[in-house]
Amino acid sequence: MAVQKSERLLKLLIMLLVQRRYVAKDKVRELLYPDSGDEAFERMFERDKDDLRALGVPIEVGSLDAYFDDEPGYRVRAGEAQLPQIELTADEAHVVGLATKVWEHARLAEATTEGVRKLAAAGHPVDVGALDLVEPRLGADEPAFDVFWEATQDRCEVEFDYQPLGGEVATRRIQPWGVVRYSGRWYAVGHDLDRGEERVFRLSRVQGPARRVGEPGAFEAPVGLDIREVTRRFAPPESTEPVTLLLRTGSGHSFRRAAASVEADVAGPDTATTWDRVVLDRGGLDLADEVLAHGPDAVVESPPALRDAVVRRLTAVVGDAS
């Protein structure tokens, strides 16, 4: 059931994003909710819109015909979805995926392709270029994502082993309200059953597999919840120290969007491709995870502490594998 809802949310987002005009409600129903009765469709459609808006997707409502007061239509403007980081980043749209050609998660990539194919088959003009909002990097580095995302949709509790920065691994349990990308990292936001308070958990610090426990529908998220605001309150503050990276040309778009400056065609660690020097006006040691996620396409020039953190983690991986 969670898979079906996740894919439906993705298809709805893609449909509203690639359309050049407002999409009528009956067209949405025809393509995405064909087997639903009137009441079921209204209930699911309203809930799906609320879920997307809670993720930060700006769904616009407007008239299908400027000269007639007819049924309103819906769309997502690509320009409005690609807003500055923190308030609403294009990265946050990763949660439901946006681009078949760059999405590294096979299940959601298939749903994206199907959503665009249905629109094209129905004779609707689509703007596939609107999908070029992000370069998601979600794969084996965040294996807990699926469990938290689907538990959020099913309102099911999650149990997992977690290691906070500088702390010991401990088993935690939460009622997940949402999953959000903040400052280049993924967080699960929810009610901490062990602490009895709202908390955020960075997915890269989940140790081993996360586990769904209990029955679906075990809780409801707070009314009017803003998961970005909760994340801002609990996530570690960003460092104000500038960061200089070497990025292989054509890669690292999440870094490039946040860059203070980009110098093209500079000397890099290899000559297989060209490289660019990207300067971020802030970073911190936590940026090491995102640098590592880009593999051989990203190299830290400064600050030394961040470079050393990346080297240490790579050395540890090599040591574990030997």
Protein backbone atom coordinates (compact mmCIF):
# COMPACT_ATOMS: atom_id res chain seq x y z
CA MET A 1 0.00 0.00 0.00
CA ALA A 2 2.86 2.37 0.84
CA VAL A 3 4.48 1.69 -2.51
CA GLN A 4 1.25 2.51 -4.33
CA LYS A 5 0.86 5.80 -2.50
CA SER A 6 4.50 6.79 -2.98
CA GLU A 7 4.24 6.15 -6.70
CA ARG A 8 0.91 7.99 -6.93
CA LEU A 9 2.40 11.04 -5.21
CA LEU A 10 5.33 10.95 -7.59
CA LYS A 11 3.09 10.65 -10.65
CA LEU A 12 0.91 13.53 -9.43
CA LEU A 13 3.98 15.71 -8.94
CA ILE A 14 5.36 14.85 -12.37
CA MET A 15 1.98 15.48 -14.01
CA LEU A 16 1.65 18.93 -12.45
CA LEU A 17 5.29 19.80 -13.05
CA VAL A 18 5.64 18.99 -16.75
CA GLN A 19 2.31 20.44 -17.90
CA ARG A 20 2.48 23.74 -19.77
CA ARG A 21 -1.10 24.59 -18.68
CA TYR A 22 -3.29 23.93 -15.65
CA VAL A 23 -4.46 20.33 -15.36
CA ALA A 24 -8.20 19.79 -14.82
CA LYS A 25 -9.25 17.66 -11.88
CA ASP A 26 -11.13 15.23 -14.11
CA LYS A 27 -7.95 14.69 -16.15
CA VAL A 28 -5.99 14.00 -12.98
CA ARG A 29 -8.61 11.48 -11.97
CA GLU A 30 -8.65 9.81 -15.39
CA LEU A 31 -4.88 9.27 -15.46
CA LEU A 32 -3.99 8.66 -11.81
CA TYR A 33 -7.15 7.54 -9.99
CA PRO A 34 -9.09 5.61 -12.68
CA ASP A 35 -10.51 2.96 -10.34
CA SER A 36 -11.66 5.29 -7.55
CA GLY A 37 -15.24 6.25 -6.82
CA ASP A 38 -16.26 9.88 -6.42
CA GLU A 39 -15.77 10.07 -2.65
CA ALA A 40 -12.59 8.00 -2.66
CA PHE A 41 -11.08 10.15 -5.40
CA GLU A 42 -11.88 13.42 -3.63
CA ARG A 43 -10.44 12.09 -0.38
CA MET A 44 -7.23 10.73 -1.94
CA PHE A 45 -6.68 13.75 -4.20
CA GLU A 46 -7.02 16.23 -1.33
CA ARG A 47 -4.75 14.15 0.88
CA ASP A 48 -2.14 13.75 -1.85
CA LYS A 49 -2.10 17.51 -2.49
CA ASP A 50 -1.66 18.14 1.23
CA ASP A 51 1.19 15.62 1.38
CA LEU A 52 3.02 17.27 -1.51
CA ARG A 53 2.55 20.72 -0.03
CA ALA A 54 3.87 19.44 3.30
CA LEU A 55 7.00 18.38 1.42
CA GLY A 56 7.39 21.93 0.13
CA VAL A 57 5.91 21.49 -3.36
CA PRO A 58 4.11 24.75 -4.40
CA ILE A 59 0.90 23.53 -6.06
CA GLU A 60 -0.78 26.42 -7.90
CA VAL A 61 -4.54 26.61 -8.46
CA GLY A 62 -5.88 28.60 -11.42
CA SER A 63 -8.57 28.86 -14.08
CA LEU A 64 -8.39 26.63 -17.13
CA ASP A 65 -9.93 29.37 -19.29
CA ALA A 66 -9.27 33.06 -18.73
CA TYR A 67 -12.70 34.00 -20.16
CA PHE A 68 -14.87 31.54 -18.24
CA ASP A 69 -15.32 30.85 -14.56
CA ASP A 70 -14.94 27.10 -14.93
CA GLU A 71 -13.52 24.37 -12.70
CA PRO A 72 -10.05 25.26 -11.41
CA GLY A 73 -6.95 23.44 -12.59
CA TYR A 74 -3.65 22.61 -10.94
CA ARG A 75 0.05 22.86 -11.81
CA VAL A 76 3.52 23.24 -10.33
CA ARG A 77 5.72 25.93 -11.85
CA ALA A 78 9.27 24.65 -12.27
CA GLY A 79 10.66 28.09 -11.47
CA GLU A 80 8.80 28.22 -8.18
CA ALA A 81 9.84 24.69 -7.22
CA GLN A 82 13.50 25.63 -7.61
CA LEU A 83 13.77 28.05 -4.70
CA PRO A 84 16.73 28.90 -2.46
CA GLN A 85 17.96 26.39 0.08
CA ILE A 86 16.57 26.31 3.64
CA GLU A 87 13.27 27.98 2.84
CA LEU A 88 12.44 25.53 0.06
CA THR A 89 15.18 23.85 -1.88
CA ALA A 90 14.97 21.90 -5.07
CA ASP A 91 16.75 19.20 -3.08
CA GLU A 92 13.63 18.71 -0.99
CA ALA A 93 11.83 17.62 -4.11
CA HIS A 94 14.12 14.58 -4.04
CA VAL A 95 11.73 12.98 -1.60
CA VAL A 96 9.31 12.13 -4.36
CA GLY A 97 11.83 12.20 -7.18
CA LEU A 98 11.76 14.48 -10.20
CA ALA A 99 13.90 13.16 -13.02
CA THR A 100 14.08 9.73 -14.66
CA LYS A 101 17.52 10.33 -16.10
CA VAL A 102 19.14 11.20 -12.78
CA TRP A 103 17.05 9.41 -10.15
CA GLU A 104 19.11 6.55 -8.72
CA HIS A 105 16.17 4.77 -7.12
CA ALA A 106 14.74 2.21 -9.54
CA ARG A 107 11.22 2.08 -8.09
CA LEU A 108 10.62 5.82 -8.28
CA ALA A 109 12.39 6.13 -11.64
CA GLU A 110 9.88 3.66 -13.07
CA ALA A 111 7.00 5.66 -11.65
CA THR A 112 8.40 8.88 -13.12
CA THR A 113 8.69 7.33 -16.56
CA GLU A 114 5.15 5.99 -16.40
CA GLY A 115 3.74 9.35 -15.30
CA VAL A 116 5.30 11.19 -18.24
CA ARG A 117 4.35 8.41 -20.67
CA LYS A 118 0.68 8.58 -19.67
CA LEU A 119 0.57 12.31 -20.26
CA ALA A 120 2.22 12.04 -23.66
CA ALA A 121 -0.06 9.17 -24.69
CA ALA A 122 -3.10 11.25 -23.77
CA GLY A 123 -1.98 13.96 -26.19
CA HIS A 124 -0.97 16.53 -23.58
CA PRO A 125 2.00 18.83 -24.31
CA VAL A 126 4.67 18.19 -21.71
CA ASP A 127 7.84 20.03 -20.83
CA VAL A 128 10.31 17.32 -19.86
CA GLY A 129 12.93 20.01 -19.34
CA ALA A 130 11.04 20.99 -16.19
CA LEU A 131 12.43 17.81 -14.63
CA ASP A 132 15.96 19.23 -14.67
CA LEU A 133 15.61 20.69 -11.18
CA VAL A 134 17.91 18.45 -9.25
CA GLU A 135 20.58 15.82 -9.40
CA PRO A 136 19.43 13.41 -6.73
CA ARG A 137 22.07 11.29 -5.05
CA LEU A 138 20.03 8.76 -3.14
CA GLY A 139 21.17 5.19 -3.29
CA ALA A 140 23.06 2.77 -1.12
CA ASP A 141 24.40 5.68 0.97
CA GLU A 142 20.92 6.16 2.48
CA PRO A 143 19.51 2.63 2.73
CA ALA A 144 17.06 3.66 5.45
CA PHE A 145 15.22 6.10 3.18
CA ASP A 146 12.62 3.61 1.89
CA VAL A 147 11.59 2.44 5.34
CA PHE A 148 11.14 5.94 6.76
CA TRP A 149 9.41 7.30 3.66
CA GLU A 150 6.91 4.44 3.45
CA ALA A 151 6.31 4.46 7.20
CA THR A 152 5.54 8.17 6.91
CA GLN A 153 2.89 7.44 4.31
CA ASP A 154 1.41 4.52 6.28
CA ARG A 155 1.70 6.29 9.67
CA CYS A 156 3.65 3.32 11.01
CA GLU A 157 6.26 3.41 13.79
CA VAL A 158 9.93 2.77 13.01
CA GLU A 159 12.64 1.21 15.17
CA PHE A 160 16.32 1.66 14.29
CA ASP A 161 19.85 1.80 15.69
CA TYR A 162 21.21 5.33 15.67
CA GLN A 163 24.61 6.85 16.37
CA PRO A 164 24.54 10.59 17.12
CA LEU A 165 27.63 12.68 16.44
CA GLY A 166 30.17 11.77 19.11
CA GLY A 167 27.75 9.40 20.85
CA GLU A 168 27.14 5.69 21.24
CA VAL A 169 24.83 3.58 19.09
CA ALA A 170 21.40 3.12 20.68
CA THR A 171 18.08 1.71 19.55
CA ARG A 172 15.48 4.43 18.94
CA ARG A 173 11.78 4.43 18.06
CA ILE A 174 9.82 7.21 16.37
CA GLN A 175 6.50 7.96 14.79
CA PRO A 176 7.77 9.52 11.52
CA TRP A 177 5.90 12.61 10.35
CA GLY A 178 8.00 13.23 7.27
CA VAL A 179 11.34 12.94 5.50
CA VAL A 180 13.09 16.14 4.43
CA ARG A 181 16.36 17.19 2.84
CA TYR A 182 18.03 20.03 4.71
CA SER A 183 21.50 21.48 4.10
CA GLY A 184 22.32 18.66 1.72
CA ARG A 185 21.36 15.87 4.13
CA TRP A 186 18.28 13.70 4.67
CA TYR A 187 16.42 13.79 7.99
CA ALA A 188 13.46 11.87 9.40
CA VAL A 189 11.19 14.12 11.46
CA GLY A 190 8.80 12.72 14.03
CA HIS A 191 7.75 11.99 17.59
CA ASP A 192 10.54 10.29 19.54
CA LEU A 193 8.81 7.57 21.55
CA ASP A 194 11.80 7.20 23.88
CA ARG A 195 12.08 10.92 24.68
CA GLY A 196 8.41 11.75 24.38
CA GLU A 197 9.20 14.79 22.19
CA GLU A 198 9.58 15.80 18.58
CA ARG A 199 13.02 15.05 17.15
CA VAL A 200 14.92 14.81 13.87
CA PHE A 201 17.24 11.96 12.93
CA ARG A 202 19.84 12.17 10.20
CA LEU A 203 19.43 9.13 7.97
CA SER A 204 23.16 8.73 7.32
CA ARG A 205 23.60 7.99 11.04
CA VAL A 206 21.13 5.10 11.06
CA GLN A 207 23.13 1.94 11.67
CA GLY A 208 21.96 -1.20 9.92
CA PRO A 209 18.40 -1.73 8.67
CA ALA A 210 15.51 0.35 10.00
CA ARG A 211 12.42 -1.68 10.94
CA ARG A 212 8.73 -0.89 10.70
CA VAL A 213 6.88 -1.97 13.84
CA GLY A 214 3.21 -2.13 14.71
CA GLU A 215 0.22 -1.57 12.48
CA PRO A 216 -0.38 1.16 9.88
CA GLY A 217 -2.48 4.11 11.00
CA ALA A 218 -0.99 4.05 14.50
CA PHE A 219 -0.69 7.85 14.71
CA GLU A 220 -1.39 11.13 12.93
CA ALA A 221 1.03 13.95 12.25
CA PRO A 222 0.28 17.23 14.10
CA VAL A 223 -2.12 19.57 12.33
CA GLY A 224 -0.30 22.38 10.54
CA LEU A 225 3.05 20.61 10.82
CA ASP A 226 6.01 22.32 9.10
CA ILE A 227 8.73 19.68 8.96
CA ARG A 228 11.26 22.15 7.56
CA GLU A 229 10.83 24.37 10.61
CA VAL A 230 11.21 21.40 12.96
CA THR A 231 14.37 20.36 11.11
CA ARG A 232 15.81 23.87 11.32
CA ARG A 233 15.29 23.90 15.07
CA PHE A 234 16.95 20.55 15.73
CA ALA A 235 19.55 20.13 12.99
CA PRO A 236 23.11 21.26 13.80
CA PRO A 237 23.87 24.85 12.76
CA GLU A 238 25.84 25.24 9.56
CA SER A 239 29.45 26.34 9.62
CA THR A 240 30.18 29.77 8.16
CA GLU A 241 33.65 28.71 6.98
CA PRO A 242 33.96 28.81 3.16
CA VAL A 243 34.49 25.53 1.31
CA THR A 244 36.32 25.10 -1.98
CA LEU A 245 35.61 22.00 -4.07
CA LEU A 246 36.86 20.64 -7.36
CA LEU A 247 33.91 19.18 -9.29
CA ARG A 248 34.07 17.18 -12.45
CA THR A 249 32.31 19.10 -15.22
CA GLY A 250 28.66 18.08 -15.45
CA SER A 251 28.45 16.77 -11.88
CA GLY A 252 27.73 18.10 -8.41
CA HIS A 253 24.70 20.20 -9.31
CA SER A 254 23.55 20.37 -5.69
CA PHE A 255 26.86 22.07 -4.83
CA ARG A 256 26.71 24.32 -7.87
CA ARG A 257 23.25 25.63 -6.98
CA ALA A 258 24.54 26.76 -3.58
CA ALA A 259 27.86 28.10 -4.91
CA ALA A 260 29.10 31.62 -4.25
CA SER A 261 31.35 31.31 -7.32
CA VAL A 262 32.27 28.79 -10.03
CA GLU A 263 35.56 28.83 -11.95
CA ALA A 264 35.41 26.65 -15.06
CA ASP A 265 38.09 24.50 -16.67
CA VAL A 266 40.67 24.31 -13.89
CA ALA A 267 43.33 21.70 -13.19
CA GLY A 268 41.88 18.67 -11.43
CA PRO A 269 43.11 15.42 -9.91
CA ASP A 270 42.89 13.65 -13.28
CA THR A 271 42.74 14.56 -16.97
CA ALA A 272 39.93 12.19 -17.96
CA THR A 273 37.52 15.16 -18.03
CA THR A 274 37.56 18.87 -17.28
CA TRP A 275 37.06 20.22 -13.76
CA ASP A 276 35.49 23.30 -12.16
CA ARG A 277 36.36 25.03 -8.89
CA VAL A 278 33.26 25.71 -6.80
CA VAL A 279 33.30 27.93 -3.71
CA LEU A 280 30.57 27.62 -1.08
CA ASP A 281 30.24 30.40 1.46
CA ARG A 282 29.56 27.89 4.23
CA GLY A 283 30.04 24.20 4.89
CA GLY A 284 31.27 22.31 7.93
CA LEU A 285 32.46 18.78 8.63
CA ASP A 286 28.99 17.37 8.01
CA LEU A 287 29.46 18.27 4.36
CA ALA A 288 31.82 15.29 4.14
CA ASP A 289 28.90 12.91 3.64
CA GLU A 290 27.66 14.77 0.59
CA VAL A 291 31.18 15.03 -0.87
CA LEU A 292 31.64 11.28 -0.44
CA ALA A 293 28.27 10.64 -2.10
CA HIS A 294 29.68 12.16 -5.31
CA GLY A 295 32.50 9.62 -5.40
CA PRO A 296 35.39 10.51 -7.72
CA ASP A 297 33.53 13.54 -9.09
CA ALA A 298 34.17 15.77 -6.04
CA VAL A 299 37.43 16.67 -4.28
CA VAL A 300 37.86 19.00 -1.28
CA GLU A 301 40.52 21.69 -1.64
CA SER A 302 39.73 23.52 1.60
CA PRO A 303 39.23 23.82 4.50
CA PRO A 304 41.82 21.28 5.70
CA ALA A 305 39.52 19.94 8.42
CA LEU A 306 36.86 18.97 5.88
CA ARG A 307 39.45 17.45 3.57
CA ASP A 308 40.90 15.43 6.47
CA ALA A 309 37.42 14.22 7.44
CA VAL A 310 36.82 12.93 3.91
CA VAL A 311 40.23 11.24 3.80
CA ARG A 312 39.65 9.59 7.19
CA ARG A 313 36.34 8.12 6.09
CA LEU A 314 37.76 6.86 2.82
CA THR A 315 40.73 5.35 4.66
CA ALA A 316 38.38 3.61 7.09
CA VAL A 317 36.40 2.11 4.21
CA VAL A 318 39.58 0.81 2.59
CA GLY A 319 40.71 -0.60 5.91
CA ASP A 320 37.39 -2.38 6.47
CA ALA A 321 37.53 -3.90 2.99
CA SER A 322 41.09 -5.20 3.36
